[in-house]
Amino acid sequence: MISYDNFWETMKKRGVTKYSLIYHYGISSNTLRRMSHGESITTSTINELCLILHCKPQDILSFGITEEEKAFTEQREKEVLMKKKKRT
């Protein structure tokens, strides 16, 4: 799961507000809403935010696997293996 918690911390450290991102840098309010809800944003937007905040992508987002995602991935791997066995 992608988390943008690092982004909000980086904003605080840099003294950058949502207002300035929207009105001075042209970041859409919808992008900030998506980030606050943990939804996807483009790599182009991540690049733009890194340039604005003088930071690296890891200062914007982090990746971690929830138990639910882990279980889903394991189930999918089992299904793929079963399909491969049936073909051979």
N, C-alpha and C. Protein backbone atom coordinates (compact mmCIF):
# COMPACT_ATOMS: atom_id res chain seq x y z
N MET A 1 0.84 -1.18 0.00
CA MET A 1 0.00 0.00 0.00
C MET A 1 0.89 1.24 0.00
N ILE A 2 0.55 2.16 -0.83
CA ILE A 2 1.27 3.42 -0.90
C ILE A 2 0.70 4.38 0.15
N SER A 3 1.59 5.02 0.88
CA SER A 3 1.19 6.01 1.89
C SER A 3 1.87 7.34 1.57
N TYR A 4 1.13 8.41 1.74
CA TYR A 4 1.67 9.75 1.52
C TYR A 4 1.96 10.48 2.83
N ASP A 5 2.03 9.75 3.93
CA ASP A 5 2.32 10.39 5.22
C ASP A 5 3.62 11.18 5.18
N ASN A 6 4.61 10.65 4.47
CA ASN A 6 5.89 11.36 4.36
C ASN A 6 5.72 12.73 3.70
N PHE A 7 4.81 12.82 2.75
CA PHE A 7 4.55 14.08 2.05
C PHE A 7 4.11 15.17 3.01
N TRP A 8 3.16 14.83 3.87
CA TRP A 8 2.63 15.83 4.80
C TRP A 8 3.71 16.28 5.78
N GLU A 9 4.56 15.35 6.20
CA GLU A 9 5.68 15.69 7.09
C GLU A 9 6.69 16.57 6.36
N THR A 10 6.98 16.24 5.11
CA THR A 10 7.93 17.03 4.32
C THR A 10 7.40 18.44 4.11
N MET A 11 6.10 18.56 3.85
CA MET A 11 5.49 19.88 3.71
C MET A 11 5.71 20.71 4.98
N LYS A 12 5.45 20.10 6.13
CA LYS A 12 5.63 20.82 7.40
C LYS A 12 7.08 21.26 7.58
N LYS A 13 8.01 20.34 7.32
CA LYS A 13 9.44 20.66 7.49
C LYS A 13 9.87 21.81 6.59
N ARG A 14 9.31 21.85 5.38
CA ARG A 14 9.69 22.88 4.41
C ARG A 14 8.87 24.16 4.57
N GLY A 15 7.87 24.12 5.43
CA GLY A 15 7.02 25.30 5.63
C GLY A 15 6.14 25.61 4.43
N VAL A 16 5.75 24.57 3.70
CA VAL A 16 4.91 24.74 2.51
C VAL A 16 3.49 24.34 2.87
N THR A 17 2.54 25.17 2.48
CA THR A 17 1.13 24.91 2.78
C THR A 17 0.40 24.38 1.56
N LYS A 18 -0.78 23.81 1.80
CA LYS A 18 -1.63 23.38 0.69
C LYS A 18 -1.96 24.58 -0.19
N TYR A 19 -2.25 25.69 0.46
CA TYR A 19 -2.59 26.92 -0.27
C TYR A 19 -1.49 27.28 -1.26
N SER A 20 -0.23 27.27 -0.80
CA SER A 20 0.86 27.65 -1.71
C SER A 20 1.05 26.62 -2.82
N LEU A 21 0.85 25.34 -2.52
CA LEU A 21 0.95 24.33 -3.58
C LEU A 21 -0.09 24.57 -4.66
N ILE A 22 -1.30 24.92 -4.23
CA ILE A 22 -2.38 25.14 -5.19
C ILE A 22 -2.22 26.46 -5.93
N TYR A 23 -2.05 27.56 -5.20
CA TYR A 23 -2.10 28.88 -5.81
C TYR A 23 -0.76 29.42 -6.31
N HIS A 24 0.35 28.93 -5.77
CA HIS A 24 1.64 29.41 -6.24
C HIS A 24 2.33 28.43 -7.18
N TYR A 25 2.09 27.14 -6.98
CA TYR A 25 2.78 26.13 -7.77
C TYR A 25 1.88 25.38 -8.75
N GLY A 26 0.59 25.62 -8.69
CA GLY A 26 -0.33 25.02 -9.66
C GLY A 26 -0.66 23.55 -9.45
N ILE A 27 -0.44 23.05 -8.24
CA ILE A 27 -0.84 21.68 -7.92
C ILE A 27 -2.36 21.70 -7.71
N SER A 28 -3.07 20.79 -8.34
CA SER A 28 -4.53 20.83 -8.23
C SER A 28 -5.00 20.39 -6.84
N SER A 29 -6.09 21.00 -6.42
CA SER A 29 -6.66 20.63 -5.13
C SER A 29 -7.12 19.17 -5.17
N ASN A 30 -7.50 18.69 -6.34
CA ASN A 30 -7.91 17.29 -6.48
C ASN A 30 -6.73 16.35 -6.21
N THR A 31 -5.54 16.74 -6.64
CA THR A 31 -4.35 15.92 -6.37
C THR A 31 -4.13 15.81 -4.87
N LEU A 32 -4.23 16.91 -4.16
CA LEU A 32 -4.04 16.89 -2.71
C LEU A 32 -5.14 16.09 -2.03
N ARG A 33 -6.36 16.18 -2.55
CA ARG A 33 -7.46 15.37 -2.00
C ARG A 33 -7.17 13.89 -2.21
N ARG A 34 -6.71 13.54 -3.41
CA ARG A 34 -6.39 12.14 -3.71
C ARG A 34 -5.31 11.63 -2.75
N MET A 35 -4.30 12.43 -2.53
CA MET A 35 -3.22 12.04 -1.63
C MET A 35 -3.72 11.89 -0.20
N SER A 36 -4.59 12.77 0.23
CA SER A 36 -5.10 12.68 1.61
C SER A 36 -5.98 11.45 1.81
N HIS A 37 -6.51 10.90 0.71
CA HIS A 37 -7.32 9.69 0.77
C HIS A 37 -6.54 8.44 0.36
N GLY A 38 -5.23 8.59 0.16
CA GLY A 38 -4.40 7.44 -0.19
C GLY A 38 -4.62 6.92 -1.59
N GLU A 39 -5.12 7.75 -2.47
CA GLU A 39 -5.37 7.36 -3.85
C GLU A 39 -4.14 7.61 -4.71
N SER A 40 -4.15 7.08 -5.92
CA SER A 40 -2.97 7.18 -6.78
C SER A 40 -2.80 8.59 -7.36
N ILE A 41 -1.54 8.93 -7.61
CA ILE A 41 -1.18 10.12 -8.36
C ILE A 41 -0.13 9.70 -9.38
N THR A 42 0.11 10.54 -10.36
CA THR A 42 1.05 10.17 -11.43
C THR A 42 2.50 10.36 -10.99
N THR A 43 3.38 9.67 -11.69
CA THR A 43 4.81 9.86 -11.42
C THR A 43 5.23 11.27 -11.81
N SER A 44 4.57 11.84 -12.78
CA SER A 44 4.85 13.22 -13.16
C SER A 44 4.55 14.17 -11.99
N THR A 45 3.46 13.92 -11.30
CA THR A 45 3.10 14.73 -10.13
C THR A 45 4.10 14.54 -9.01
N ILE A 46 4.53 13.30 -8.80
CA ILE A 46 5.55 13.03 -7.77
C ILE A 46 6.82 13.80 -8.10
N ASN A 47 7.21 13.77 -9.37
CA ASN A 47 8.40 14.51 -9.81
C ASN A 47 8.23 16.01 -9.53
N GLU A 48 7.07 16.55 -9.88
CA GLU A 48 6.81 17.97 -9.67
C GLU A 48 6.86 18.33 -8.19
N LEU A 49 6.27 17.49 -7.35
CA LEU A 49 6.30 17.75 -5.90
C LEU A 49 7.72 17.69 -5.36
N CYS A 50 8.52 16.75 -5.87
CA CYS A 50 9.92 16.66 -5.44
C CYS A 50 10.69 17.93 -5.80
N LEU A 51 10.43 18.45 -7.00
CA LEU A 51 11.10 19.69 -7.41
C LEU A 51 10.67 20.86 -6.54
N ILE A 52 9.39 20.95 -6.25
CA ILE A 52 8.87 22.04 -5.43
C ILE A 52 9.42 21.98 -4.01
N LEU A 53 9.43 20.77 -3.44
CA LEU A 53 9.83 20.60 -2.04
C LEU A 53 11.32 20.31 -1.86
N HIS A 54 12.06 20.25 -2.97
CA HIS A 54 13.50 19.95 -2.92
C HIS A 54 13.74 18.67 -2.12
N CYS A 55 13.09 17.60 -2.58
CA CYS A 55 13.19 16.33 -1.85
C CYS A 55 13.25 15.16 -2.82
N LYS A 56 13.29 13.96 -2.28
CA LYS A 56 13.32 12.73 -3.06
C LYS A 56 11.95 12.05 -2.97
N PRO A 57 11.67 11.11 -3.89
CA PRO A 57 10.37 10.43 -3.85
C PRO A 57 10.04 9.80 -2.49
N GLN A 58 11.04 9.27 -1.80
CA GLN A 58 10.76 8.66 -0.49
C GLN A 58 10.33 9.69 0.55
N ASP A 59 10.55 10.97 0.25
CA ASP A 59 10.05 12.03 1.13
C ASP A 59 8.59 12.37 0.82
N ILE A 60 8.08 11.80 -0.27
CA ILE A 60 6.70 12.01 -0.68
C ILE A 60 5.83 10.80 -0.34
N LEU A 61 6.36 9.61 -0.59
CA LEU A 61 5.57 8.40 -0.39
C LEU A 61 6.39 7.26 0.18
N SER A 62 5.68 6.29 0.72
CA SER A 62 6.33 5.08 1.21
C SER A 62 5.46 3.89 0.81
N PHE A 63 6.07 2.72 0.82
CA PHE A 63 5.36 1.51 0.43
C PHE A 63 5.42 0.49 1.55
N GLY A 64 4.29 -0.08 1.86
CA GLY A 64 4.21 -1.14 2.85
C GLY A 64 3.09 -2.09 2.46
N ILE A 65 3.20 -3.33 2.86
CA ILE A 65 2.20 -4.32 2.51
C ILE A 65 1.32 -4.62 3.73
N THR A 66 0.03 -4.46 3.56
CA THR A 66 -0.90 -4.80 4.63
C THR A 66 -1.10 -6.31 4.64
N GLU A 67 -1.62 -6.82 5.73
CA GLU A 67 -1.89 -8.26 5.83
C GLU A 67 -2.87 -8.71 4.74
N GLU A 68 -3.85 -7.88 4.47
CA GLU A 68 -4.83 -8.19 3.43
C GLU A 68 -4.17 -8.28 2.06
N GLU A 69 -3.29 -7.33 1.76
CA GLU A 69 -2.58 -7.35 0.48
C GLU A 69 -1.66 -8.56 0.39
N LYS A 70 -1.02 -8.89 1.48
CA LYS A 70 -0.12 -10.04 1.50
C LYS A 70 -0.89 -11.33 1.23
N ALA A 71 -2.04 -11.49 1.88
CA ALA A 71 -2.87 -12.68 1.67
C ALA A 71 -3.36 -12.75 0.23
N PHE A 72 -3.77 -11.63 -0.32
CA PHE A 72 -4.23 -11.59 -1.71
C PHE A 72 -3.12 -12.00 -2.66
N THR A 73 -1.93 -11.45 -2.46
CA THR A 73 -0.78 -11.76 -3.32
C THR A 73 -0.41 -13.23 -3.23
N GLU A 74 -0.41 -13.77 -2.04
CA GLU A 74 -0.09 -15.19 -1.86
C GLU A 74 -1.11 -16.07 -2.57
N GLN A 75 -2.38 -15.70 -2.49
CA GLN A 75 -3.43 -16.47 -3.17
C GLN A 75 -3.25 -16.41 -4.69
N ARG A 76 -2.93 -15.24 -5.20
CA ARG A 76 -2.70 -15.08 -6.65
C ARG A 76 -1.51 -15.91 -7.09
N GLU A 77 -0.45 -15.95 -6.30
CA GLU A 77 0.73 -16.75 -6.64
C GLU A 77 0.38 -18.23 -6.70
N LYS A 78 -0.45 -18.68 -5.77
CA LYS A 78 -0.89 -20.08 -5.77
C LYS A 78 -1.69 -20.39 -7.03
N GLU A 79 -2.56 -19.48 -7.42
CA GLU A 79 -3.37 -19.68 -8.62
C GLU A 79 -2.50 -19.75 -9.87
N VAL A 80 -1.51 -18.90 -9.95
CA VAL A 80 -0.59 -18.90 -11.10
C VAL A 80 0.16 -20.22 -11.16
N LEU A 81 0.65 -20.69 -10.03
CA LEU A 81 1.37 -21.97 -9.98
C LEU A 81 0.47 -23.13 -10.40
N MET A 82 -0.78 -23.10 -9.97
CA MET A 82 -1.72 -24.16 -10.35
C MET A 82 -1.96 -24.16 -11.86
N LYS A 83 -2.08 -22.98 -12.45
CA LYS A 83 -2.29 -22.88 -13.90
C LYS A 83 -1.07 -23.40 -14.64
N LYS A 84 0.12 -23.09 -14.15
CA LYS A 84 1.35 -23.57 -14.79
C LYS A 84 1.43 -25.09 -14.73
N LYS A 85 1.05 -25.67 -13.60
CA LYS A 85 1.09 -27.12 -13.44
C LYS A 85 0.11 -27.80 -14.39
N LYS A 86 -1.05 -27.20 -14.60
CA LYS A 86 -2.05 -27.77 -15.50
C LYS A 86 -1.56 -27.77 -16.95
N ARG A 87 -0.77 -26.78 -17.32
CA ARG A 87 -0.26 -26.67 -18.69
C ARG A 87 0.82 -27.71 -18.99
N THR A 88 1.54 -28.13 -17.96
CA THR A 88 2.64 -29.08 -18.19
C THR A 88 2.23 -30.51 -18.00
